[in-house]
Amino acid sequence: MIPLAITPGDPGGIGPDLCIQAAIDGELEGVVIADPEIIKRRSEILGLPVSIMDADHYNPERTQGIIYVDPIAAADPANQPGISDPINAGYCLQSIEHVLHGIQAKRFRALVTGPLNKATIRDGGFSSFTGHTEFLRDFYGLSEVVMMLASTDCRVALVTTHLPLAEVPSAITQERIETVTGIVIKAFSDVFQMPHPRIHVLGLNPHAGEDGHLGREEIEIIRPALESLRTRHPNVHIEGPVPADTAFTPDMRAQADCHIAMYHDQGLPVVKYQGFGDSVNITLGLPIVRTSVDHGTALNLAGKGLASTGGLVAAIREANRLTTPIA
């Protein structure tokens, strides 16, 4: 089977550590897109010897203690752990683009990404960079994609992502809610093999606006969007607007296959509280499968052997599951 492709992310962060430890544990399924010197140096710092082999020799039956690398040259392969250096910003983005071109050429079947430092990428000369999700959207020339975080029993997709809180209300429109929910519905049908998902859409205001007493976005924007969606997707259960403070109780979680939150910190803290380090970031609406860890670069842990591989392994397993044909 065509291998997964894994980008470790910021060479100064924990991404290289995770790849090395996962390889030691026999859980690094796929090819790593990186400068081999970065992997070699980090392996020595960690005291975890791994065999670095060329990706052309990838053998899915022989992975323990081995990192198969498709090489990309870093500007500074001596990047020390704990230092997020803007000099390697271009290298990080080039690694992602290398995978995307590789998927187009059928060399890889999905992208699994390690953590990047957004500020470092911008400081490195890429001032418009706001995250993996938006970078992938722009690479494919798409108007919208959707960020979704998934834990063992909770999935949360976002109407808005990396925006200052003050800009969120104006960014929430009926059209955007319909577009995001439509992408979620299509992804659940095409990728997750769930043609009739149960979707709970959160309100924006406390108590979902209390019939206009705490804000009118639910009445003027969210409800009309959901009515339109129900008409267009009669076989999909769409609930909402649901008050955010009760949307994630155990009973409510059991009734939903996916929650759609209005903004980043409305929904993601719940997923991360429940399963931080083991949750998976999935980009919906792309022509490829892309999964990612749910955490950042953790510069304070890099090179110390303290980072947990749970998130990376979960992202690898989910990418593998979503791209493996059902027997």
Protein backbone atom coordinates (compact mmCIF):
# COMPACT_ATOMS: atom_id res chain seq x y z
CA MET A 1 0.00 0.00 0.00
CA ILE A 2 1.16 3.56 -0.71
CA PRO A 3 2.59 5.02 2.53
CA LEU A 4 1.38 7.90 4.64
CA ALA A 5 3.61 10.99 4.71
CA ILE A 6 4.50 12.64 8.02
CA THR A 7 5.89 16.17 8.45
CA PRO A 8 7.47 16.64 11.89
CA GLY A 9 6.81 20.39 11.87
CA ASP A 10 9.09 22.89 13.60
CA PRO A 11 12.58 21.35 13.80
CA GLY A 12 13.11 23.07 17.15
CA GLY A 13 9.93 21.62 18.64
CA ILE A 14 8.87 18.17 19.76
CA GLY A 15 7.96 16.93 16.29
CA PRO A 16 11.30 15.19 15.68
CA ASP A 17 11.16 13.71 19.19
CA LEU A 18 7.72 12.25 18.51
CA CYS A 19 8.82 10.64 15.25
CA ILE A 20 11.88 9.11 16.89
CA GLN A 21 10.03 7.78 19.94
CA ALA A 22 7.17 6.46 17.80
CA ALA A 23 9.73 4.63 15.63
CA ILE A 24 11.33 3.10 18.74
CA ASP A 25 7.86 1.94 19.82
CA GLY A 26 7.09 0.53 16.36
CA GLU A 27 4.21 2.97 15.85
CA LEU A 28 5.63 5.25 13.16
CA GLU A 29 3.69 4.06 10.14
CA GLY A 30 4.69 6.07 7.08
CA VAL A 31 7.48 8.14 5.56
CA VAL A 32 8.90 11.19 7.35
CA ILE A 33 9.54 14.29 5.24
CA ALA A 34 12.54 15.93 6.85
CA ASP A 35 16.21 16.76 6.72
CA PRO A 36 17.90 13.50 7.81
CA GLU A 37 20.49 15.50 9.72
CA ILE A 38 17.79 16.96 11.97
CA ILE A 39 16.54 13.47 12.80
CA LYS A 40 20.08 12.19 13.35
CA ARG A 41 21.05 15.06 15.68
CA ARG A 42 17.85 14.81 17.71
CA SER A 43 18.25 11.04 18.02
CA GLU A 44 21.71 11.58 19.48
CA ILE A 45 20.48 14.25 21.90
CA LEU A 46 17.67 11.99 23.09
CA GLY A 47 19.94 8.95 23.31
CA LEU A 48 17.46 6.98 21.23
CA PRO A 49 19.28 5.33 18.34
CA VAL A 50 17.19 4.83 15.23
CA SER A 51 18.09 3.64 11.76
CA ILE A 52 17.47 6.32 9.15
CA MET A 53 16.62 4.78 5.80
CA ASP A 54 15.67 6.22 2.43
CA ALA A 55 11.94 6.36 1.71
CA ASP A 56 12.46 4.31 -1.44
CA HIS A 57 13.12 1.32 0.82
CA TYR A 58 9.93 1.74 2.86
CA ASN A 59 8.66 -1.55 4.22
CA PRO A 60 5.45 -1.39 6.27
CA GLU A 61 6.30 -4.76 7.80
CA ARG A 62 9.64 -3.49 9.13
CA THR A 63 9.24 -0.22 11.00
CA GLN A 64 10.36 -0.65 14.62
CA GLY A 65 13.48 1.38 15.26
CA ILE A 66 13.50 2.65 11.67
CA ILE A 67 12.63 6.08 10.28
CA TYR A 68 12.11 6.12 6.54
CA VAL A 69 12.98 9.63 5.37
CA ASP A 70 12.16 11.42 2.15
CA PRO A 71 14.82 14.14 2.44
CA ILE A 72 14.23 17.90 2.33
CA ALA A 73 17.18 20.19 3.08
CA ALA A 74 16.71 22.54 6.03
CA ALA A 75 18.28 25.99 6.02
CA ASP A 76 19.84 25.15 9.38
CA PRO A 77 19.86 21.42 10.14
CA ALA A 78 21.68 22.18 13.41
CA ASN A 79 18.52 23.87 14.77
CA GLN A 80 18.72 23.20 18.51
CA PRO A 81 15.75 21.75 20.38
CA GLY A 82 13.78 24.39 22.22
CA ILE A 83 14.52 27.11 19.66
CA SER A 84 11.93 27.95 17.02
CA ASP A 85 14.15 29.56 14.40
CA PRO A 86 12.55 31.62 11.58
CA ILE A 87 15.42 30.61 9.30
CA ASN A 88 13.73 27.22 8.91
CA ALA A 89 10.24 28.61 8.16
CA GLY A 90 10.59 27.97 4.44
CA TYR A 91 11.81 24.44 5.12
CA CYS A 92 8.67 23.70 7.16
CA LEU A 93 6.33 24.87 4.41
CA GLN A 94 8.38 23.18 1.69
CA SER A 95 7.99 19.89 3.57
CA ILE A 96 4.21 20.22 3.42
CA GLU A 97 4.21 21.13 -0.26
CA HIS A 98 6.49 18.17 -0.96
CA VAL A 99 3.84 15.85 0.46
CA LEU A 100 1.01 17.49 -1.44
CA HIS A 101 2.84 17.08 -4.72
CA GLY A 102 3.71 13.53 -3.68
CA ILE A 103 0.05 12.72 -3.09
CA GLN A 104 -0.79 14.08 -6.53
CA ALA A 105 1.90 11.78 -7.95
CA LYS A 106 0.49 8.86 -5.90
CA ARG A 107 3.72 8.49 -3.89
CA PHE A 108 1.82 9.14 -0.65
CA ARG A 109 -1.82 8.57 0.31
CA ALA A 110 -2.36 11.08 3.12
CA LEU A 111 -0.68 13.86 5.10
CA VAL A 112 0.00 13.69 8.84
CA THR A 113 1.39 16.92 10.25
CA GLY A 114 3.41 17.70 13.35
CA PRO A 115 3.17 21.07 15.12
CA LEU A 116 4.34 24.39 13.68
CA ASN A 117 4.87 27.73 15.40
CA LYS A 118 2.70 30.21 13.48
CA ALA A 119 4.62 33.27 14.70
CA THR A 120 7.92 31.73 13.63
CA ILE A 121 6.60 31.03 10.13
CA ARG A 122 5.43 34.64 9.83
CA ASP A 123 8.71 35.96 11.20
CA GLY A 124 10.48 33.84 8.58
CA GLY A 125 8.97 35.88 5.78
CA PHE A 126 5.55 34.26 5.33
CA SER A 127 3.45 37.04 6.83
CA SER A 128 0.11 35.70 5.59
CA PHE A 129 0.52 32.29 7.25
CA THR A 130 -2.18 31.62 9.83
CA GLY A 131 -1.98 27.84 10.16
CA HIS A 132 -1.84 24.49 8.42
CA THR A 133 -5.57 24.56 7.69
CA GLU A 134 -5.51 27.84 5.80
CA PHE A 135 -2.23 26.94 4.05
CA LEU A 136 -3.77 23.74 2.70
CA ARG A 137 -6.94 25.59 1.66
CA ASP A 138 -4.92 28.09 -0.34
CA PHE A 139 -2.68 25.43 -1.89
CA TYR A 140 -5.73 23.78 -3.43
CA GLY A 141 -7.38 27.08 -4.32
CA LEU A 142 -10.43 26.41 -2.17
CA SER A 143 -12.68 29.08 -0.75
CA GLU A 144 -13.37 27.16 2.46
CA VAL A 145 -12.19 24.14 4.38
CA VAL A 146 -13.16 23.13 7.90
CA MET A 147 -11.05 22.42 10.97
CA MET A 148 -12.36 19.56 13.10
CA LEU A 149 -10.86 18.13 16.28
CA ALA A 150 -11.82 14.60 17.25
CA SER A 151 -11.34 12.73 20.51
CA THR A 152 -12.58 9.24 21.31
CA ASP A 153 -16.22 10.30 21.64
CA CYS A 154 -16.43 13.94 20.59
CA ARG A 155 -15.91 15.74 17.28
CA VAL A 156 -15.98 19.53 16.99
CA ALA A 157 -15.86 21.46 13.71
CA LEU A 158 -15.42 25.23 13.58
CA VAL A 159 -17.25 27.99 11.74
CA THR A 160 -14.35 30.40 12.43
CA THR A 161 -10.81 29.42 13.33
CA HIS A 162 -7.85 31.69 14.08
CA LEU A 163 -9.55 35.04 14.59
CA PRO A 164 -9.38 37.55 17.44
CA LEU A 165 -12.52 37.13 19.52
CA ALA A 166 -13.66 40.66 18.72
CA GLU A 167 -13.82 39.76 15.01
CA VAL A 168 -15.86 36.59 15.43
CA PRO A 169 -19.44 37.97 15.37
CA SER A 170 -18.96 39.81 12.09
CA ALA A 171 -17.37 36.72 10.52
CA ILE A 172 -20.39 34.55 11.30
CA THR A 173 -22.83 34.79 8.42
CA GLN A 174 -25.67 32.61 7.24
CA GLU A 175 -23.66 31.74 4.13
CA ARG A 176 -20.62 30.71 6.16
CA ILE A 177 -22.61 28.49 8.51
CA GLU A 178 -24.28 26.80 5.54
CA THR A 179 -20.95 26.34 3.77
CA VAL A 180 -19.15 24.90 6.80
CA THR A 181 -22.02 22.57 7.70
CA GLY A 182 -22.30 21.45 4.09
CA ILE A 183 -18.58 20.57 4.04
CA VAL A 184 -19.02 18.63 7.28
CA ILE A 185 -22.00 16.69 5.88
CA LYS A 186 -20.14 15.81 2.68
CA ALA A 187 -17.00 14.76 4.57
CA PHE A 188 -18.97 12.51 6.89
CA SER A 189 -20.57 10.84 3.90
CA ASP A 190 -17.50 10.58 1.65
CA VAL A 191 -14.66 10.11 4.14
CA PHE A 192 -16.21 8.79 7.36
CA GLN A 193 -18.80 6.63 5.59
CA MET A 194 -21.62 8.20 7.65
CA PRO A 195 -24.27 9.43 5.19
CA HIS A 196 -26.75 10.44 7.91
CA PRO A 197 -24.71 12.21 10.61
CA ARG A 198 -26.29 13.82 13.64
CA ILE A 199 -25.01 17.40 13.78
CA HIS A 200 -25.45 19.80 16.68
CA VAL A 201 -24.81 23.46 15.83
CA LEU A 202 -23.95 25.71 18.76
CA GLY A 203 -25.29 29.19 19.33
CA LEU A 204 -22.94 32.16 19.56
CA ASN A 205 -24.29 33.86 22.67
CA PRO A 206 -24.84 32.57 26.22
CA HIS A 207 -27.88 30.29 26.36
CA ALA A 208 -28.07 30.54 22.55
CA GLY A 209 -29.27 34.13 22.87
CA GLU A 210 -32.32 33.48 25.07
CA ASP A 211 -34.75 34.38 22.27
CA GLY A 212 -32.95 37.60 21.50
CA HIS A 213 -32.45 38.86 25.05
CA LEU A 214 -28.72 38.03 24.98
CA GLY A 215 -28.04 38.72 21.32
CA ARG A 216 -29.82 38.32 18.01
CA GLU A 217 -27.30 36.28 15.99
CA GLU A 218 -29.21 33.08 16.71
CA ILE A 219 -32.48 34.56 15.41
CA GLU A 220 -31.14 36.50 12.45
CA ILE A 221 -28.27 34.31 11.25
CA ILE A 222 -27.97 30.86 12.80
CA ARG A 223 -31.60 29.68 12.75
CA PRO A 224 -32.19 30.74 9.12
CA ALA A 225 -29.00 28.92 8.14
CA LEU A 226 -30.12 25.74 9.88
CA GLU A 227 -33.60 25.91 8.33
CA SER A 228 -32.02 26.17 4.90
CA LEU A 229 -29.69 23.26 5.65
CA ARG A 230 -32.53 21.04 6.84
CA THR A 231 -34.39 21.71 3.59
CA ARG A 232 -31.31 20.87 1.49
CA HIS A 233 -30.30 17.84 3.59
CA PRO A 234 -33.54 16.18 4.74
CA ASN A 235 -31.78 12.92 5.66
CA VAL A 236 -29.34 14.61 8.05
CA HIS A 237 -30.35 15.40 11.63
CA ILE A 238 -29.38 19.02 12.34
CA GLU A 239 -30.02 20.29 15.86
CA GLY A 240 -29.61 23.87 16.99
CA PRO A 241 -28.79 26.46 17.87
CA VAL A 242 -27.70 24.53 20.96
CA PRO A 243 -26.52 26.44 24.06
CA ALA A 244 -22.76 25.89 24.30
CA ASP A 245 -22.77 25.47 28.07
CA THR A 246 -24.85 22.27 27.89
CA ALA A 247 -23.90 20.99 24.43
CA PHE A 248 -21.11 18.76 25.69
CA THR A 249 -22.73 16.96 28.59
CA PRO A 250 -22.41 13.17 28.29
CA ASP A 251 -26.02 12.76 27.18
CA MET A 252 -25.75 15.48 24.54
CA ARG A 253 -22.42 14.14 23.25
CA ALA A 254 -24.01 10.72 22.85
CA GLN A 255 -26.69 12.25 20.61
CA ALA A 256 -24.27 13.96 18.20
CA ASP A 257 -21.76 12.69 15.67
CA CYS A 258 -20.34 16.18 15.34
CA HIS A 259 -20.72 19.54 17.04
CA ILE A 260 -20.22 22.72 15.05
CA ALA A 261 -18.88 25.55 17.19
CA MET A 262 -18.99 29.19 16.20
CA TYR A 263 -15.40 29.94 17.22
CA HIS A 264 -12.14 28.26 18.18
CA ASP A 265 -12.26 28.47 21.97
CA GLN A 266 -15.96 27.72 22.19
CA GLY A 267 -15.55 24.08 21.21
CA LEU A 268 -11.93 23.01 21.23
CA PRO A 269 -11.27 23.34 24.98
CA VAL A 270 -13.86 20.61 25.54
CA VAL A 271 -12.14 18.18 23.17
CA LYS A 272 -8.71 18.98 24.56
CA TYR A 273 -9.85 18.69 28.16
CA GLN A 274 -11.29 15.29 27.42
CA GLY A 275 -8.40 13.91 25.42
CA PHE A 276 -5.50 16.35 25.12
CA GLY A 277 -2.52 14.66 23.55
CA ASP A 278 -4.64 11.92 22.02
CA SER A 279 -7.08 13.98 19.96
CA VAL A 280 -6.72 14.43 16.21
CA ASN A 281 -7.02 17.56 14.09
CA ILE A 282 -8.68 16.72 10.75
CA THR A 283 -9.11 19.13 7.84
CA LEU A 284 -12.45 18.60 6.08
CA GLY A 285 -13.16 19.70 2.53
CA LEU A 286 -9.74 18.94 1.05
CA PRO A 287 -9.25 16.55 -1.86
CA ILE A 288 -6.86 14.62 0.40
CA VAL A 289 -6.91 13.24 3.94
CA ARG A 290 -4.95 15.38 6.37
CA THR A 291 -4.69 14.67 10.07
CA SER A 292 -2.56 16.32 12.72
CA VAL A 293 -1.60 16.33 16.36
CA ASP A 294 -3.81 18.43 18.60
CA HIS A 295 -0.98 20.28 20.34
CA GLY A 296 1.74 22.81 19.70
CA THR A 297 5.51 22.68 19.39
CA ALA A 298 6.12 22.37 23.17
CA LEU A 299 9.57 23.94 22.89
CA ASN A 300 10.11 23.45 26.62
CA LEU A 301 9.94 19.66 26.16
CA ALA A 302 11.93 19.35 22.94
CA GLY A 303 15.07 17.23 23.19
CA LYS A 304 14.29 16.08 26.72
CA GLY A 305 12.53 12.79 26.08
CA LEU A 306 9.41 13.96 27.93
CA ALA A 307 6.94 14.35 25.08
CA SER A 308 4.07 11.89 24.67
CA THR A 309 3.59 10.32 21.25
CA GLY A 310 -0.15 9.81 21.83
CA GLY A 311 -1.27 12.62 19.53
CA LEU A 312 1.02 11.67 16.67
CA VAL A 313 0.12 7.99 16.89
CA ALA A 314 -3.58 8.87 17.00
CA ALA A 315 -3.18 11.09 13.91
CA ILE A 316 -1.34 8.31 12.07
CA ARG A 317 -4.00 5.75 12.98
CA GLU A 318 -6.84 8.04 11.90
CA ALA A 319 -5.16 8.85 8.57
CA ASN A 320 -4.59 5.15 8.06
CA ARG A 321 -8.20 4.31 8.92
CA LEU A 322 -9.63 6.95 6.60
CA THR A 323 -7.51 5.85 3.65
CA THR A 324 -7.71 2.10 4.02
CA PRO A 325 -10.38 0.53 1.82
CA ILE A 326 -13.12 -1.30 3.69
CA ALA A 327 -12.84 -5.01 3.04
